[in-house]
Amino acid sequence: MSKPIPEFKNEDEEREFWSENDSAEYLNWKSAERVLFPNLKPSTKAISLRLPESLLDAIRQLANERDVPYQSLIKMFLQERIEQDFKSRHLPSGG
């Protein structure tokens, strides 16, 4: 059984509490569910990615057909693939 989470007067008090206590003693992380916030604008980081020219040409062509910037299309493809992989790994077995 988990310990009850105390009431906090303010964020500073709560921050101090969690810096000194293990959340596993207060929350059942095994029953936690992953939450996505799709409408939040995440912070971004520029990276350098080397692609074969033929792949980049194909991506640019697809992006042009969809009237979106090719970098946006790459991000969309990556996001879709990650979501597919995440869902397939978390499906109940036997179904």
N, C-alpha and C. Protein backbone atom coordinates (compact mmCIF):
# COMPACT_ATOMS: atom_id res chain seq x y z
N MET A 1 0.84 -1.19 0.00
CA MET A 1 0.00 0.00 0.00
C MET A 1 0.88 1.24 0.00
N SER A 2 0.49 2.23 -0.78
CA SER A 2 1.27 3.45 -0.91
C SER A 2 1.00 4.40 0.24
N LYS A 3 2.02 5.20 0.53
CA LYS A 3 1.86 6.24 1.55
C LYS A 3 1.01 7.37 0.96
N PRO A 4 0.23 8.06 1.79
CA PRO A 4 -0.54 9.20 1.26
C PRO A 4 0.39 10.37 0.95
N ILE A 5 0.09 11.06 -0.14
CA ILE A 5 0.87 12.24 -0.53
C ILE A 5 0.40 13.40 0.34
N PRO A 6 1.32 14.09 1.00
CA PRO A 6 0.91 15.19 1.87
C PRO A 6 0.38 16.39 1.07
N GLU A 7 -0.34 17.24 1.75
CA GLU A 7 -0.79 18.51 1.17
C GLU A 7 0.39 19.48 1.23
N PHE A 8 0.56 20.27 0.18
CA PHE A 8 1.67 21.23 0.13
C PHE A 8 1.13 22.65 0.13
N LYS A 9 1.85 23.54 0.80
CA LYS A 9 1.44 24.95 0.86
C LYS A 9 1.73 25.67 -0.45
N ASN A 10 2.82 25.23 -1.12
CA ASN A 10 3.21 25.89 -2.36
C ASN A 10 4.13 24.96 -3.15
N GLU A 11 4.50 25.39 -4.35
CA GLU A 11 5.35 24.57 -5.21
C GLU A 11 6.73 24.35 -4.62
N ASP A 12 7.27 25.36 -3.94
CA ASP A 12 8.60 25.20 -3.34
C ASP A 12 8.60 24.09 -2.30
N GLU A 13 7.56 24.03 -1.49
CA GLU A 13 7.45 22.98 -0.48
C GLU A 13 7.33 21.60 -1.15
N GLU A 14 6.54 21.54 -2.21
CA GLU A 14 6.37 20.27 -2.92
C GLU A 14 7.67 19.85 -3.59
N ARG A 15 8.37 20.80 -4.21
CA ARG A 15 9.65 20.51 -4.86
C ARG A 15 10.64 19.94 -3.86
N GLU A 16 10.70 20.55 -2.69
CA GLU A 16 11.62 20.10 -1.64
C GLU A 16 11.26 18.68 -1.18
N PHE A 17 9.95 18.44 -1.01
CA PHE A 17 9.50 17.12 -0.58
C PHE A 17 9.94 16.04 -1.57
N TRP A 18 9.68 16.26 -2.87
CA TRP A 18 10.01 15.25 -3.88
C TRP A 18 11.50 15.10 -4.08
N SER A 19 12.28 16.14 -3.78
CA SER A 19 13.74 16.01 -3.91
C SER A 19 14.31 15.13 -2.81
N GLU A 20 13.55 14.95 -1.72
CA GLU A 20 14.02 14.16 -0.58
C GLU A 20 13.31 12.82 -0.41
N ASN A 21 12.28 12.56 -1.22
CA ASN A 21 11.48 11.34 -1.05
C ASN A 21 11.36 10.59 -2.37
N ASP A 22 11.26 9.27 -2.27
CA ASP A 22 11.12 8.41 -3.44
C ASP A 22 9.64 8.31 -3.82
N SER A 23 9.31 8.70 -5.04
CA SER A 23 7.91 8.69 -5.47
C SER A 23 7.33 7.28 -5.48
N ALA A 24 8.16 6.26 -5.61
CA ALA A 24 7.67 4.88 -5.62
C ALA A 24 7.01 4.49 -4.30
N GLU A 25 7.33 5.21 -3.24
CA GLU A 25 6.69 4.94 -1.95
C GLU A 25 5.29 5.56 -1.88
N TYR A 26 4.98 6.44 -2.81
CA TYR A 26 3.72 7.17 -2.79
C TYR A 26 2.80 6.87 -3.98
N LEU A 27 3.38 6.35 -5.04
CA LEU A 27 2.61 6.09 -6.27
C LEU A 27 2.89 4.67 -6.76
N ASN A 28 1.88 4.04 -7.35
CA ASN A 28 2.06 2.72 -7.95
C ASN A 28 2.40 2.92 -9.43
N TRP A 29 3.68 2.97 -9.74
CA TRP A 29 4.11 3.25 -11.11
C TRP A 29 3.76 2.12 -12.07
N LYS A 30 3.52 0.90 -11.56
CA LYS A 30 3.16 -0.21 -12.45
C LYS A 30 1.79 -0.01 -13.07
N SER A 31 0.92 0.75 -12.41
CA SER A 31 -0.41 1.00 -12.97
C SER A 31 -0.49 2.35 -13.69
N ALA A 32 0.63 3.04 -13.77
CA ALA A 32 0.64 4.35 -14.44
C ALA A 32 0.48 4.17 -15.95
N GLU A 33 -0.13 5.13 -16.59
CA GLU A 33 -0.31 5.12 -18.03
C GLU A 33 0.45 6.29 -18.64
N ARG A 34 1.05 6.04 -19.80
CA ARG A 34 1.75 7.10 -20.51
C ARG A 34 0.72 8.09 -21.04
N VAL A 35 1.00 9.36 -20.89
CA VAL A 35 0.10 10.41 -21.35
C VAL A 35 0.85 11.26 -22.36
N LEU A 36 0.18 11.53 -23.47
CA LEU A 36 0.76 12.41 -24.48
C LEU A 36 -0.06 13.69 -24.52
N PHE A 37 0.61 14.79 -24.72
CA PHE A 37 -0.04 16.09 -24.83
C PHE A 37 0.23 16.62 -26.24
N PRO A 38 -0.56 16.18 -27.23
CA PRO A 38 -0.26 16.50 -28.62
C PRO A 38 -0.41 17.98 -28.96
N ASN A 39 -1.14 18.75 -28.17
CA ASN A 39 -1.34 20.16 -28.50
C ASN A 39 -0.29 21.08 -27.89
N LEU A 40 0.62 20.53 -27.08
CA LEU A 40 1.68 21.36 -26.53
C LEU A 40 2.79 21.49 -27.56
N LYS A 41 3.36 22.65 -27.65
CA LYS A 41 4.46 22.85 -28.59
C LYS A 41 5.75 22.46 -27.86
N PRO A 42 6.32 21.32 -28.24
CA PRO A 42 7.53 20.88 -27.55
C PRO A 42 8.73 21.73 -27.92
N SER A 43 9.70 21.78 -27.04
CA SER A 43 10.93 22.46 -27.39
C SER A 43 11.62 21.60 -28.46
N THR A 44 12.34 22.23 -29.33
CA THR A 44 12.98 21.51 -30.43
C THR A 44 14.48 21.69 -30.36
N LYS A 45 15.16 20.77 -31.00
CA LYS A 45 16.61 20.83 -31.07
C LYS A 45 17.02 20.50 -32.49
N ALA A 46 17.86 21.32 -33.06
CA ALA A 46 18.36 21.08 -34.41
C ALA A 46 19.38 19.96 -34.38
N ILE A 47 19.26 19.05 -35.35
CA ILE A 47 20.25 17.97 -35.49
C ILE A 47 20.74 17.94 -36.92
N SER A 48 21.83 17.29 -37.12
CA SER A 48 22.35 17.07 -38.46
C SER A 48 22.13 15.60 -38.79
N LEU A 49 21.52 15.34 -39.93
CA LEU A 49 21.19 13.98 -40.32
C LEU A 49 21.63 13.75 -41.76
N ARG A 50 22.47 12.79 -41.96
CA ARG A 50 22.93 12.48 -43.31
C ARG A 50 22.01 11.45 -43.93
N LEU A 51 21.47 11.78 -45.12
CA LEU A 51 20.57 10.88 -45.84
C LEU A 51 21.11 10.68 -47.25
N PRO A 52 20.89 9.51 -47.81
CA PRO A 52 21.24 9.33 -49.23
C PRO A 52 20.44 10.34 -50.06
N GLU A 53 21.08 10.89 -51.09
CA GLU A 53 20.40 11.91 -51.90
C GLU A 53 19.10 11.40 -52.49
N SER A 54 19.07 10.12 -52.89
CA SER A 54 17.85 9.57 -53.48
C SER A 54 16.71 9.55 -52.47
N LEU A 55 17.01 9.27 -51.21
CA LEU A 55 15.98 9.28 -50.17
C LEU A 55 15.49 10.70 -49.93
N LEU A 56 16.42 11.65 -49.86
CA LEU A 56 16.04 13.04 -49.66
C LEU A 56 15.20 13.55 -50.83
N ASP A 57 15.57 13.15 -52.05
CA ASP A 57 14.78 13.55 -53.22
C ASP A 57 13.36 13.00 -53.14
N ALA A 58 13.23 11.75 -52.71
CA ALA A 58 11.90 11.12 -52.59
C ALA A 58 11.08 11.83 -51.52
N ILE A 59 11.70 12.17 -50.40
CA ILE A 59 11.00 12.88 -49.32
C ILE A 59 10.55 14.25 -49.81
N ARG A 60 11.42 14.95 -50.53
CA ARG A 60 11.06 16.28 -51.05
C ARG A 60 9.90 16.17 -52.03
N GLN A 61 9.91 15.13 -52.86
CA GLN A 61 8.82 14.95 -53.82
C GLN A 61 7.50 14.69 -53.09
N LEU A 62 7.52 13.82 -52.10
CA LEU A 62 6.30 13.55 -51.32
C LEU A 62 5.82 14.81 -50.61
N ALA A 63 6.76 15.56 -50.05
CA ALA A 63 6.40 16.78 -49.34
C ALA A 63 5.76 17.79 -50.30
N ASN A 64 6.33 17.90 -51.50
CA ASN A 64 5.79 18.81 -52.50
C ASN A 64 4.38 18.41 -52.89
N GLU A 65 4.14 17.10 -53.04
CA GLU A 65 2.80 16.62 -53.39
C GLU A 65 1.79 16.92 -52.29
N ARG A 66 2.25 16.93 -51.05
CA ARG A 66 1.37 17.19 -49.91
C ARG A 66 1.36 18.66 -49.51
N ASP A 67 2.17 19.45 -50.18
CA ASP A 67 2.27 20.88 -49.91
C ASP A 67 2.66 21.17 -48.47
N VAL A 68 3.68 20.45 -48.00
CA VAL A 68 4.25 20.68 -46.67
C VAL A 68 5.77 20.76 -46.81
N PRO A 69 6.43 21.46 -45.92
CA PRO A 69 7.90 21.48 -45.95
C PRO A 69 8.45 20.07 -45.72
N TYR A 70 9.53 19.73 -46.41
CA TYR A 70 10.05 18.36 -46.31
C TYR A 70 10.50 18.02 -44.90
N GLN A 71 11.01 18.99 -44.14
CA GLN A 71 11.43 18.70 -42.78
C GLN A 71 10.21 18.37 -41.90
N SER A 72 9.09 19.05 -42.15
CA SER A 72 7.85 18.74 -41.43
C SER A 72 7.38 17.33 -41.76
N LEU A 73 7.49 16.95 -43.02
CA LEU A 73 7.08 15.61 -43.42
C LEU A 73 7.95 14.55 -42.74
N ILE A 74 9.23 14.79 -42.65
CA ILE A 74 10.13 13.86 -41.96
C ILE A 74 9.69 13.71 -40.50
N LYS A 75 9.38 14.83 -39.84
CA LYS A 75 8.93 14.78 -38.44
C LYS A 75 7.61 14.01 -38.33
N MET A 76 6.70 14.22 -39.28
CA MET A 76 5.43 13.50 -39.26
C MET A 76 5.66 12.00 -39.41
N PHE A 77 6.52 11.62 -40.36
CA PHE A 77 6.81 10.20 -40.57
C PHE A 77 7.43 9.58 -39.32
N LEU A 78 8.36 10.28 -38.71
CA LEU A 78 8.99 9.75 -37.50
C LEU A 78 7.98 9.59 -36.37
N GLN A 79 7.13 10.60 -36.18
CA GLN A 79 6.12 10.53 -35.12
C GLN A 79 5.16 9.38 -35.35
N GLU A 80 4.69 9.21 -36.58
CA GLU A 80 3.76 8.12 -36.89
C GLU A 80 4.40 6.77 -36.61
N ARG A 81 5.64 6.61 -37.00
CA ARG A 81 6.34 5.33 -36.82
C ARG A 81 6.56 5.04 -35.34
N ILE A 82 6.91 6.04 -34.58
CA ILE A 82 7.12 5.86 -33.14
C ILE A 82 5.81 5.47 -32.47
N GLU A 83 4.71 6.12 -32.85
CA GLU A 83 3.41 5.78 -32.27
C GLU A 83 3.00 4.36 -32.63
N GLN A 84 3.24 3.94 -33.88
CA GLN A 84 2.93 2.56 -34.29
C GLN A 84 3.73 1.57 -33.46
N ASP A 85 5.01 1.83 -33.30
CA ASP A 85 5.88 0.92 -32.55
C ASP A 85 5.44 0.86 -31.10
N PHE A 86 5.15 2.01 -30.52
CA PHE A 86 4.73 2.06 -29.11
C PHE A 86 3.45 1.26 -28.92
N LYS A 87 2.47 1.45 -29.81
CA LYS A 87 1.20 0.73 -29.69
C LYS A 87 1.41 -0.77 -29.86
N SER A 88 2.23 -1.18 -30.79
CA SER A 88 2.43 -2.61 -31.02
C SER A 88 3.13 -3.28 -29.85
N ARG A 89 3.97 -2.55 -29.14
CA ARG A 89 4.66 -3.13 -28.00
C ARG A 89 3.76 -3.20 -26.77
N HIS A 90 2.67 -2.46 -26.76
CA HIS A 90 1.82 -2.41 -25.57
C HIS A 90 0.43 -3.00 -25.79
N LEU A 91 0.26 -3.76 -26.86
CA LEU A 91 -1.01 -4.44 -27.07
C LEU A 91 -1.08 -5.65 -26.15
N PRO A 92 -2.25 -5.96 -25.63
CA PRO A 92 -2.36 -7.16 -24.79
C PRO A 92 -2.06 -8.40 -25.63
N SER A 93 -1.33 -9.33 -25.08
CA SER A 93 -1.00 -10.54 -25.82
C SER A 93 -2.23 -11.43 -25.93
N GLY A 94 -2.24 -12.23 -27.00
CA GLY A 94 -3.35 -13.15 -27.22
C GLY A 94 -4.54 -12.51 -27.89
N GLY A 95 -4.40 -11.23 -28.32
CA GLY A 95 -5.56 -10.56 -28.91
C GLY A 95 -5.36 -10.35 -30.32
